[in-house]
Amino acid sequence: MSDTAKPSKTVLIGAGRMGSALAAGWLKKGGAVTPENLLIVDPGRNEHCKALVSKHGLKRVPELGPRMAKDVSLVVLGVKPQKFDEVAPVLNDILPEDTAIVSVIAGISVRRLRTAFGDRPIVRAMPNTPASIGKGITVAIANDVPAAIKRRAEKLLKVGGPVEWITDERHMGAVTALSGSGPAYVFLLAETMAAAGFAEGLPRELAERLARETIIGAAALLAESPDSPADLRRAVTSPGGTTQAALDVLMTGLPDLMRNAISAAERQSRKLGNENGR
């Protein structure tokens, strides 16, 4: 049965913060999924899941049974990595052979997904946490997947922000290190800026607000400007001024620190992927 002929039933397995946020985006007016065609599979204990189900009147079940599975055309896997080996065999036994699998599980490779789900269409995606408010970016790989499935997957993923496609899964470790883990680097920057302001005598609350709003404003400027980050930096750096004095300190160590940090995250991503593939 073709993808266009079978019922367009979508199942979200794992409705935590990210899964619930993506589903909320799907359900917006004119969105990718209608409430009657979305099934939530989750114990329903977390507040994100409860709010999603209540707001949209969705059907939620703690586990997917054979009768419900027979009409499923696409599954979005959003469970924690340690739950994958528990969930995958059950799904493989009950899902139709042409059901598409879209995984947003960190560290589970396409090879691992193919081992679990056979010849079903597989898309692996790596969103980051700002995708939970529609401001993130997702990188996905969908080798040997029909174009219609790829388009449908992109429609689901892009509610979290832009979607970039890669063809070499070896890049996913670097993707995870840069954009997947990247928000934490920015949050750390906000922490350290606020702490430095406090150390210079500012009230803690004011220092935290200044750091937060400065980063928010700089990010908005970066988003709106056609200039590169380097050009924007140079534009606000007057020779011999206060910004130059600070950058003289930062430039002696920050580039190498960031390079080492992303390299460490990339190595850890590969390690976790190998462990999950055992």
C-alpha atoms as a PDB file:
ATOM      1  CA  MET A   1       0.000   0.000   0.000  1.00  0.00           C
ATOM      2  CA  SER A   2       1.389   3.402  -0.912  1.00  0.00           C
ATOM      3  CA  ASP A   3       2.014   6.164   1.582  1.00  0.00           C
ATOM      4  CA  THR A   4      -0.698   8.319  -0.008  1.00  0.00           C
ATOM      5  CA  ALA A   5      -3.288   5.537  -0.015  1.00  0.00           C
ATOM      6  CA  LYS A   6      -3.076   4.402   3.569  1.00  0.00           C
ATOM      7  CA  PRO A   7      -4.655   6.318   6.489  1.00  0.00           C
ATOM      8  CA  SER A   8      -2.441   9.190   7.580  1.00  0.00           C
ATOM      9  CA  LYS A   9      -2.277   8.195  11.236  1.00  0.00           C
ATOM     10  CA  THR A  10       0.692   9.651  13.113  1.00  0.00           C
ATOM     11  CA  VAL A  11       1.875   8.296  16.448  1.00  0.00           C
ATOM     12  CA  LEU A  12       4.141  10.143  18.866  1.00  0.00           C
ATOM     13  CA  ILE A  13       5.898   7.765  21.225  1.00  0.00           C
ATOM     14  CA  GLY A  14       7.308   9.720  24.139  1.00  0.00           C
ATOM     15  CA  ALA A  15       5.628  13.044  24.903  1.00  0.00           C
ATOM     16  CA  GLY A  16       8.218  14.773  27.054  1.00  0.00           C
ATOM     17  CA  ARG A  17       9.086  18.425  26.647  1.00  0.00           C
ATOM     18  CA  MET A  18      10.458  18.122  23.122  1.00  0.00           C
ATOM     19  CA  GLY A  19       7.883  15.623  21.852  1.00  0.00           C
ATOM     20  CA  SER A  20       4.979  17.600  23.291  1.00  0.00           C
ATOM     21  CA  ALA A  21       6.311  20.854  21.850  1.00  0.00           C
ATOM     22  CA  LEU A  22       6.671  19.337  18.385  1.00  0.00           C
ATOM     23  CA  ALA A  23       3.169  17.875  18.589  1.00  0.00           C
ATOM     24  CA  ALA A  24       1.748  21.241  19.639  1.00  0.00           C
ATOM     25  CA  GLY A  25       3.296  22.704  16.500  1.00  0.00           C
ATOM     26  CA  TRP A  26       1.793  19.978  14.326  1.00  0.00           C
ATOM     27  CA  LEU A  27      -1.660  20.745  15.704  1.00  0.00           C
ATOM     28  CA  LYS A  28      -1.692  24.469  14.982  1.00  0.00           C
ATOM     29  CA  LYS A  29      -4.288  25.652  12.472  1.00  0.00           C
ATOM     30  CA  GLY A  30      -3.324  24.342   9.065  1.00  0.00           C
ATOM     31  CA  GLY A  31      -0.562  22.268  10.649  1.00  0.00           C
ATOM     32  CA  ALA A  32       0.901  18.914   9.747  1.00  0.00           C
ATOM     33  CA  VAL A  33      -1.503  16.760  11.776  1.00  0.00           C
ATOM     34  CA  THR A  34      -5.115  16.956  12.911  1.00  0.00           C
ATOM     35  CA  PRO A  35      -6.096  15.890  16.460  1.00  0.00           C
ATOM     36  CA  GLU A  36      -8.101  12.917  15.234  1.00  0.00           C
ATOM     37  CA  ASN A  37      -5.095  11.610  13.302  1.00  0.00           C
ATOM     38  CA  LEU A  38      -2.590  11.890  16.148  1.00  0.00           C
ATOM     39  CA  LEU A  39      -2.130   9.295  18.848  1.00  0.00           C
ATOM     40  CA  ILE A  40       0.064   9.890  21.886  1.00  0.00           C
ATOM     41  CA  VAL A  41       1.819   6.893  23.411  1.00  0.00           C
ATOM     42  CA  ASP A  42       3.137   7.898  26.805  1.00  0.00           C
ATOM     43  CA  PRO A  43       2.509   7.055  30.477  1.00  0.00           C
ATOM     44  CA  GLY A  44       1.150  10.601  30.746  1.00  0.00           C
ATOM     45  CA  ARG A  45       2.834  11.457  34.025  1.00  0.00           C
ATOM     46  CA  ASN A  46       4.673  14.609  32.916  1.00  0.00           C
ATOM     47  CA  GLU A  47       2.964  17.985  32.788  1.00  0.00           C
ATOM     48  CA  HIS A  48       3.899  18.623  29.157  1.00  0.00           C
ATOM     49  CA  CYS A  49       2.002  15.530  28.041  1.00  0.00           C
ATOM     50  CA  LYS A  50      -0.971  16.257  30.268  1.00  0.00           C
ATOM     51  CA  ALA A  51      -1.289  19.815  28.974  1.00  0.00           C
ATOM     52  CA  LEU A  52      -0.998  18.707  25.333  1.00  0.00           C
ATOM     53  CA  VAL A  53      -3.667  16.022  25.660  1.00  0.00           C
ATOM     54  CA  SER A  54      -6.027  18.285  27.596  1.00  0.00           C
ATOM     55  CA  LYS A  55      -5.721  21.276  25.264  1.00  0.00           C
ATOM     56  CA  HIS A  56      -6.281  19.372  22.031  1.00  0.00           C
ATOM     57  CA  GLY A  57      -8.516  16.530  23.230  1.00  0.00           C
ATOM     58  CA  LEU A  58      -6.011  13.932  22.044  1.00  0.00           C
ATOM     59  CA  LYS A  59      -6.162  10.225  22.570  1.00  0.00           C
ATOM     60  CA  ARG A  60      -3.351   8.991  24.803  1.00  0.00           C
ATOM     61  CA  VAL A  61      -2.478   5.394  25.599  1.00  0.00           C
ATOM     62  CA  PRO A  62       0.357   4.043  27.764  1.00  0.00           C
ATOM     63  CA  GLU A  63       1.425   1.602  25.042  1.00  0.00           C
ATOM     64  CA  LEU A  64       0.619   0.918  21.398  1.00  0.00           C
ATOM     65  CA  GLY A  65      -1.397  -2.240  20.781  1.00  0.00           C
ATOM     66  CA  PRO A  66      -1.734  -4.292  17.556  1.00  0.00           C
ATOM     67  CA  ARG A  67      -5.233  -3.042  16.741  1.00  0.00           C
ATOM     68  CA  MET A  68      -4.206   0.624  16.962  1.00  0.00           C
ATOM     69  CA  ALA A  69      -0.917  -0.020  15.145  1.00  0.00           C
ATOM     70  CA  LYS A  70      -2.454  -1.402  11.967  1.00  0.00           C
ATOM     71  CA  ASP A  71      -3.485   2.037  10.649  1.00  0.00           C
ATOM     72  CA  VAL A  72      -0.287   3.880  11.581  1.00  0.00           C
ATOM     73  CA  SER A  73       1.590   5.398   8.635  1.00  0.00           C
ATOM     74  CA  LEU A  74       4.287   7.269  10.578  1.00  0.00           C
ATOM     75  CA  VAL A  75       5.824   7.006  14.037  1.00  0.00           C
ATOM     76  CA  VAL A  76       7.857   9.719  15.734  1.00  0.00           C
ATOM     77  CA  LEU A  77      10.131   8.183  18.341  1.00  0.00           C
ATOM     78  CA  GLY A  78      10.839  10.561  21.217  1.00  0.00           C
ATOM     79  CA  VAL A  79      11.665   8.201  24.077  1.00  0.00           C
ATOM     80  CA  LYS A  80      14.871   8.395  26.103  1.00  0.00           C
ATOM     81  CA  PRO A  81      17.818   6.490  24.560  1.00  0.00           C
ATOM     82  CA  GLN A  82      17.863   3.934  27.370  1.00  0.00           C
ATOM     83  CA  LYS A  83      14.247   3.014  26.541  1.00  0.00           C
ATOM     84  CA  PHE A  84      14.920   2.276  22.887  1.00  0.00           C
ATOM     85  CA  ASP A  85      15.819  -1.393  23.274  1.00  0.00           C
ATOM     86  CA  GLU A  86      12.643  -1.920  25.274  1.00  0.00           C
ATOM     87  CA  VAL A  87      10.312  -0.108  22.877  1.00  0.00           C
ATOM     88  CA  ALA A  88      11.712  -0.998  19.440  1.00  0.00           C
ATOM     89  CA  PRO A  89      11.084  -4.784  19.380  1.00  0.00           C
ATOM     90  CA  VAL A  90       7.447  -4.312  20.376  1.00  0.00           C
ATOM     91  CA  LEU A  91       6.895  -1.725  17.653  1.00  0.00           C
ATOM     92  CA  ASN A  92       8.664  -3.843  15.052  1.00  0.00           C
ATOM     93  CA  ASP A  93       6.288  -6.717  15.739  1.00  0.00           C
ATOM     94  CA  ILE A  94       3.057  -4.724  15.400  1.00  0.00           C
ATOM     95  CA  LEU A  95       3.657  -1.877  12.920  1.00  0.00           C
ATOM     96  CA  PRO A  96       2.816  -2.288   9.229  1.00  0.00           C
ATOM     97  CA  GLU A  97       5.835  -2.987   7.054  1.00  0.00           C
ATOM     98  CA  ASP A  98       5.658   0.387   5.305  1.00  0.00           C
ATOM     99  CA  THR A  99       5.228   2.548   8.412  1.00  0.00           C
ATOM    100  CA  ALA A 100       7.814   5.337   8.396  1.00  0.00           C
ATOM    101  CA  ILE A 101      10.006   5.825  11.479  1.00  0.00           C
ATOM    102  CA  VAL A 102      11.202   9.313  12.419  1.00  0.00           C
ATOM    103  CA  SER A 103      13.579   9.184  15.377  1.00  0.00           C
ATOM    104  CA  VAL A 104      14.558  12.203  17.457  1.00  0.00           C
ATOM    105  CA  ILE A 105      16.349   9.995  19.985  1.00  0.00           C
ATOM    106  CA  ALA A 106      19.884  11.167  20.693  1.00  0.00           C
ATOM    107  CA  GLY A 107      22.655   8.695  19.897  1.00  0.00           C
ATOM    108  CA  ILE A 108      20.589   6.065  18.060  1.00  0.00           C
ATOM    109  CA  SER A 109      22.148   5.632  14.620  1.00  0.00           C
ATOM    110  CA  VAL A 110      20.413   4.838  11.344  1.00  0.00           C
ATOM    111  CA  ARG A 111      22.121   1.443  11.411  1.00  0.00           C
ATOM    112  CA  ARG A 112      20.661   0.786  14.845  1.00  0.00           C
ATOM    113  CA  LEU A 113      17.231   1.903  13.648  1.00  0.00           C
ATOM    114  CA  ARG A 114      17.462  -0.333  10.576  1.00  0.00           C
ATOM    115  CA  THR A 115      18.468  -3.281  12.732  1.00  0.00           C
ATOM    116  CA  ALA A 116      15.386  -2.683  14.867  1.00  0.00           C
ATOM    117  CA  PHE A 117      12.863  -1.828  12.137  1.00  0.00           C
ATOM    118  CA  GLY A 118      14.110  -3.611   9.038  1.00  0.00           C
ATOM    119  CA  ASP A 119      13.255  -2.125   5.644  1.00  0.00           C
ATOM    120  CA  ARG A 120      10.813   0.482   6.893  1.00  0.00           C
ATOM    121  CA  PRO A 121      11.593   4.081   5.838  1.00  0.00           C
ATOM    122  CA  ILE A 122      13.914   5.614   8.449  1.00  0.00           C
ATOM    123  CA  VAL A 123      14.606   9.269   9.227  1.00  0.00           C
ATOM    124  CA  ARG A 124      16.996  10.212  12.019  1.00  0.00           C
ATOM    125  CA  ALA A 125      16.770  13.782  13.284  1.00  0.00           C
ATOM    126  CA  MET A 126      18.668  15.883  15.815  1.00  0.00           C
ATOM    127  CA  PRO A 127      16.681  18.901  17.058  1.00  0.00           C
ATOM    128  CA  ASN A 128      17.949  21.181  19.802  1.00  0.00           C
ATOM    129  CA  THR A 129      16.092  22.484  22.828  1.00  0.00           C
ATOM    130  CA  PRO A 130      15.025  25.852  21.324  1.00  0.00           C
ATOM    131  CA  ALA A 131      12.947  23.752  18.922  1.00  0.00           C
ATOM    132  CA  SER A 132      10.559  23.356  21.852  1.00  0.00           C
ATOM    133  CA  ILE A 133       9.536  27.007  21.276  1.00  0.00           C
ATOM    134  CA  GLY A 134       9.899  26.942  17.494  1.00  0.00           C
ATOM    135  CA  LYS A 135      13.291  28.686  17.574  1.00  0.00           C
ATOM    136  CA  GLY A 136      15.636  25.744  17.153  1.00  0.00           C
ATOM    137  CA  ILE A 137      17.272  23.979  14.258  1.00  0.00           C
ATOM    138  CA  THR A 138      17.088  20.326  13.297  1.00  0.00           C
ATOM    139  CA  VAL A 139      19.547  18.279  11.264  1.00  0.00           C
ATOM    140  CA  ALA A 140      18.206  15.111   9.667  1.00  0.00           C
ATOM    141  CA  ILE A 141      19.357  12.211   7.525  1.00  0.00           C
ATOM    142  CA  ALA A 142      17.065  10.108   5.366  1.00  0.00           C
ATOM    143  CA  ASN A 143      19.109   8.064   2.967  1.00  0.00           C
ATOM    144  CA  ASP A 144      17.111   5.708   0.689  1.00  0.00           C
ATOM    145  CA  VAL A 145      13.782   7.139   1.846  1.00  0.00           C
ATOM    146  CA  PRO A 146      10.987   7.930  -0.658  1.00  0.00           C
ATOM    147  CA  ALA A 147      10.652  11.635  -1.397  1.00  0.00           C
ATOM    148  CA  ALA A 148       7.085  11.710  -0.060  1.00  0.00           C
ATOM    149  CA  ILE A 149       8.230  10.364   3.319  1.00  0.00           C
ATOM    150  CA  LYS A 150      11.079  12.879   3.464  1.00  0.00           C
ATOM    151  CA  ARG A 151       8.669  15.741   2.743  1.00  0.00           C
ATOM    152  CA  ARG A 152       6.278  14.536   5.418  1.00  0.00           C
ATOM    153  CA  ALA A 153       9.077  14.185   7.956  1.00  0.00           C
ATOM    154  CA  GLU A 154      10.340  17.682   7.176  1.00  0.00           C
ATOM    155  CA  LYS A 155       6.839  19.105   7.642  1.00  0.00           C
ATOM    156  CA  LEU A 156       6.728  17.553  11.105  1.00  0.00           C
ATOM    157  CA  LEU A 157      10.244  18.626  12.079  1.00  0.00           C
ATOM    158  CA  LYS A 158      10.176  22.190  10.791  1.00  0.00           C
ATOM    159  CA  VAL A 159       7.665  23.301  13.444  1.00  0.00           C
ATOM    160  CA  GLY A 160      10.762  23.478  15.661  1.00  0.00           C
ATOM    161  CA  GLY A 161      12.664  25.717  13.238  1.00  0.00           C
ATOM    162  CA  PRO A 162      14.701  25.217  10.046  1.00  0.00           C
ATOM    163  CA  VAL A 163      15.606  21.688   8.946  1.00  0.00           C
ATOM    164  CA  GLU A 164      18.973  20.884   7.388  1.00  0.00           C
ATOM    165  CA  TRP A 165      19.574  17.558   5.636  1.00  0.00           C
ATOM    166  CA  ILE A 166      22.855  15.661   5.549  1.00  0.00           C
ATOM    167  CA  THR A 167      23.804  12.534   3.624  1.00  0.00           C
ATOM    168  CA  ASP A 168      26.762  11.365   5.717  1.00  0.00           C
ATOM    169  CA  GLU A 169      25.758  10.180   9.186  1.00  0.00           C
ATOM    170  CA  ARG A 170      29.329  10.564  10.391  1.00  0.00           C
ATOM    171  CA  HIS A 171      28.588  14.287  10.564  1.00  0.00           C
ATOM    172  CA  MET A 172      25.864  13.723  13.155  1.00  0.00           C
ATOM    173  CA  GLY A 173      28.406  13.661  15.994  1.00  0.00           C
ATOM    174  CA  ALA A 174      29.631  17.133  15.060  1.00  0.00           C
ATOM    175  CA  VAL A 175      26.034  18.283  14.599  1.00  0.00           C
ATOM    176  CA  THR A 176      25.209  17.071  18.089  1.00  0.00           C
ATOM    177  CA  ALA A 177      28.280  18.824  19.488  1.00  0.00           C
ATOM    178  CA  LEU A 178      27.555  22.144  17.766  1.00  0.00           C
ATOM    179  CA  SER A 179      23.798  22.646  17.587  1.00  0.00           C
ATOM    180  CA  GLY A 180      22.491  19.849  19.805  1.00  0.00           C
ATOM    181  CA  SER A 181      24.617  20.805  22.803  1.00  0.00           C
ATOM    182  CA  GLY A 182      25.139  24.395  21.682  1.00  0.00           C
ATOM    183  CA  PRO A 183      22.309  26.027  23.663  1.00  0.00           C
ATOM    184  CA  ALA A 184      24.047  24.959  26.881  1.00  0.00           C
ATOM    185  CA  TYR A 185      27.166  26.877  25.817  1.00  0.00           C
ATOM    186  CA  VAL A 186      25.095  30.037  25.415  1.00  0.00           C
ATOM    187  CA  PHE A 187      23.408  29.493  28.780  1.00  0.00           C
ATOM    188  CA  LEU A 188      26.842  29.098  30.363  1.00  0.00           C
ATOM    189  CA  LEU A 189      27.910  32.358  28.732  1.00  0.00           C
ATOM    190  CA  ALA A 190      24.911  34.078  30.298  1.00  0.00           C
ATOM    191  CA  GLU A 191      25.837  32.598  33.687  1.00  0.00           C
ATOM    192  CA  THR A 192      29.460  33.679  33.512  1.00  0.00           C
ATOM    193  CA  MET A 193      28.641  37.181  32.226  1.00  0.00           C
ATOM    194  CA  ALA A 194      26.182  37.689  35.074  1.00  0.00           C
ATOM    195  CA  ALA A 195      28.683  36.363  37.617  1.00  0.00           C
ATOM    196  CA  ALA A 196      31.352  38.725  36.283  1.00  0.00           C
ATOM    197  CA  GLY A 197      28.976  41.675  36.499  1.00  0.00           C
ATOM    198  CA  PHE A 198      28.139  40.764  40.075  1.00  0.00           C
ATOM    199  CA  ALA A 199      31.857  40.512  40.862  1.00  0.00           C
ATOM    200  CA  GLU A 200      32.259  44.081  39.566  1.00  0.00           C
ATOM    201  CA  GLY A 201      29.690  45.316  42.078  1.00  0.00           C
ATOM    202  CA  LEU A 202      26.359  45.111  40.275  1.00  0.00           C
ATOM    203  CA  PRO A 203      23.343  43.779  42.205  1.00  0.00           C
ATOM    204  CA  ARG A 204      22.963  40.098  41.300  1.00  0.00           C
ATOM    205  CA  GLU A 205      19.452  40.491  39.886  1.00  0.00           C
ATOM    206  CA  LEU A 206      20.508  43.384  37.664  1.00  0.00           C
ATOM    207  CA  ALA A 207      23.619  41.538  36.486  1.00  0.00           C
ATOM    208  CA  GLU A 208      21.530  38.505  35.540  1.00  0.00           C
ATOM    209  CA  ARG A 209      18.997  40.631  33.682  1.00  0.00           C
ATOM    210  CA  LEU A 210      21.674  42.530  31.793  1.00  0.00           C
ATOM    211  CA  ALA A 211      23.417  39.312  30.747  1.00  0.00           C
ATOM    212  CA  ARG A 212      20.162  37.653  29.661  1.00  0.00           C
ATOM    213  CA  GLU A 213      18.867  40.633  27.675  1.00  0.00           C
ATOM    214  CA  THR A 214      22.249  41.286  26.078  1.00  0.00           C
ATOM    215  CA  ILE A 215      22.398  37.739  24.730  1.00  0.00           C
ATOM    216  CA  ILE A 216      18.770  37.840  23.589  1.00  0.00           C
ATOM    217  CA  GLY A 217      19.367  41.156  21.814  1.00  0.00           C
ATOM    218  CA  ALA A 218      22.620  40.056  20.229  1.00  0.00           C
ATOM    219  CA  ALA A 219      20.959  36.867  18.953  1.00  0.00           C
ATOM    220  CA  ALA A 220      18.087  38.889  17.487  1.00  0.00           C
ATOM    221  CA  LEU A 221      20.563  41.221  15.778  1.00  0.00           C
ATOM    222  CA  LEU A 222      22.468  38.244  14.392  1.00  0.00           C
ATOM    223  CA  ALA A 223      19.199  36.828  13.056  1.00  0.00           C
ATOM    224  CA  GLU A 224      18.161  40.060  11.363  1.00  0.00           C
ATOM    225  CA  SER A 225      21.505  41.233  10.007  1.00  0.00           C
ATOM    226  CA  PRO A 226      23.022  40.043   6.716  1.00  0.00           C
ATOM    227  CA  ASP A 227      26.466  40.566   8.244  1.00  0.00           C
ATOM    228  CA  SER A 228      28.627  37.718   9.513  1.00  0.00           C
ATOM    229  CA  PRO A 229      29.237  37.271  13.257  1.00  0.00           C
ATOM    230  CA  ALA A 230      32.813  38.483  12.728  1.00  0.00           C
ATOM    231  CA  ASP A 231      31.581  41.653  10.968  1.00  0.00           C
ATOM    232  CA  LEU A 232      29.045  42.347  13.727  1.00  0.00           C
ATOM    233  CA  ARG A 233      31.769  41.889  16.346  1.00  0.00           C
ATOM    234  CA  ARG A 234      34.098  44.289  14.560  1.00  0.00           C
ATOM    235  CA  ALA A 235      31.297  46.839  14.180  1.00  0.00           C
ATOM    236  CA  VAL A 236      30.912  47.189  17.958  1.00  0.00           C
ATOM    237  CA  THR A 237      34.635  47.095  18.731  1.00  0.00           C
ATOM    238  CA  SER A 238      36.271  50.519  18.814  1.00  0.00           C
ATOM    239  CA  PRO A 239      40.090  50.436  18.834  1.00  0.00           C
ATOM    240  CA  GLY A 240      41.321  51.145  22.336  1.00  0.00           C
ATOM    241  CA  GLY A 241      37.802  50.962  23.795  1.00  0.00           C
ATOM    242  CA  THR A 242      36.210  48.850  26.491  1.00  0.00           C
ATOM    243  CA  THR A 243      35.021  46.139  24.090  1.00  0.00           C
ATOM    244  CA  GLN A 244      38.512  45.828  22.645  1.00  0.00           C
ATOM    245  CA  ALA A 245      39.957  45.449  26.139  1.00  0.00           C
ATOM    246  CA  ALA A 246      37.559  42.587  26.886  1.00  0.00           C
ATOM    247  CA  LEU A 247      38.084  40.883  23.530  1.00  0.00           C
ATOM    248  CA  ASP A 248      41.851  41.009  23.928  1.00  0.00           C
ATOM    249  CA  VAL A 249      41.357  38.761  26.955  1.00  0.00           C
ATOM    250  CA  LEU A 250      38.701  36.506  25.408  1.00  0.00           C
ATOM    251  CA  MET A 251      40.518  35.960  22.116  1.00  0.00           C
ATOM    252  CA  THR A 252      43.578  34.565  23.885  1.00  0.00           C
ATOM    253  CA  GLY A 253      41.631  31.579  25.179  1.00  0.00           C
ATOM    254  CA  LEU A 254      38.016  31.334  23.998  1.00  0.00           C
ATOM    255  CA  PRO A 255      38.607  30.039  20.437  1.00  0.00           C
ATOM    256  CA  ASP A 256      40.724  27.144  21.702  1.00  0.00           C
ATOM    257  CA  LEU A 257      38.337  26.438  24.587  1.00  0.00           C
ATOM    258  CA  MET A 258      35.366  26.268  22.211  1.00  0.00           C
ATOM    259  CA  ARG A 259      37.265  24.071  19.768  1.00  0.00           C
ATOM    260  CA  ASN A 260      38.206  21.678  22.568  1.00  0.00           C
ATOM    261  CA  ALA A 261      34.687  21.711  24.022  1.00  0.00           C
ATOM    262  CA  ILE A 262      33.010  20.844  20.721  1.00  0.00           C
ATOM    263  CA  SER A 263      35.632  18.202  20.022  1.00  0.00           C
ATOM    264  CA  ALA A 264      34.949  16.616  23.429  1.00  0.00           C
ATOM    265  CA  ALA A 265      31.193  16.640  22.769  1.00  0.00           C
ATOM    266  CA  GLU A 266      31.697  15.090  19.328  1.00  0.00           C
ATOM    267  CA  ARG A 267      33.830  12.281  20.774  1.00  0.00           C
ATOM    268  CA  GLN A 268      31.233  11.630  23.471  1.00  0.00           C
ATOM    269  CA  SER A 269      28.463  11.542  20.870  1.00  0.00           C
ATOM    270  CA  ARG A 270      30.346   8.878  18.899  1.00  0.00           C
ATOM    271  CA  LYS A 271      31.010   6.918  22.076  1.00  0.00           C
ATOM    272  CA  LEU A 272      27.355   6.962  23.087  1.00  0.00           C
ATOM    273  CA  GLY A 273      26.354   5.975  19.566  1.00  0.00           C
ATOM    274  CA  ASN A 274      28.695   2.975  19.680  1.00  0.00           C
ATOM    275  CA  GLU A 275      27.353   1.953  23.090  1.00  0.00           C
ATOM    276  CA  ASN A 276      23.766   2.253  21.887  1.00  0.00           C
ATOM    277  CA  GLY A 277      24.634   0.191  18.839  1.00  0.00           C
ATOM    278  CA  ARG A 278      25.857  -2.791  20.804  1.00  0.00           C
END
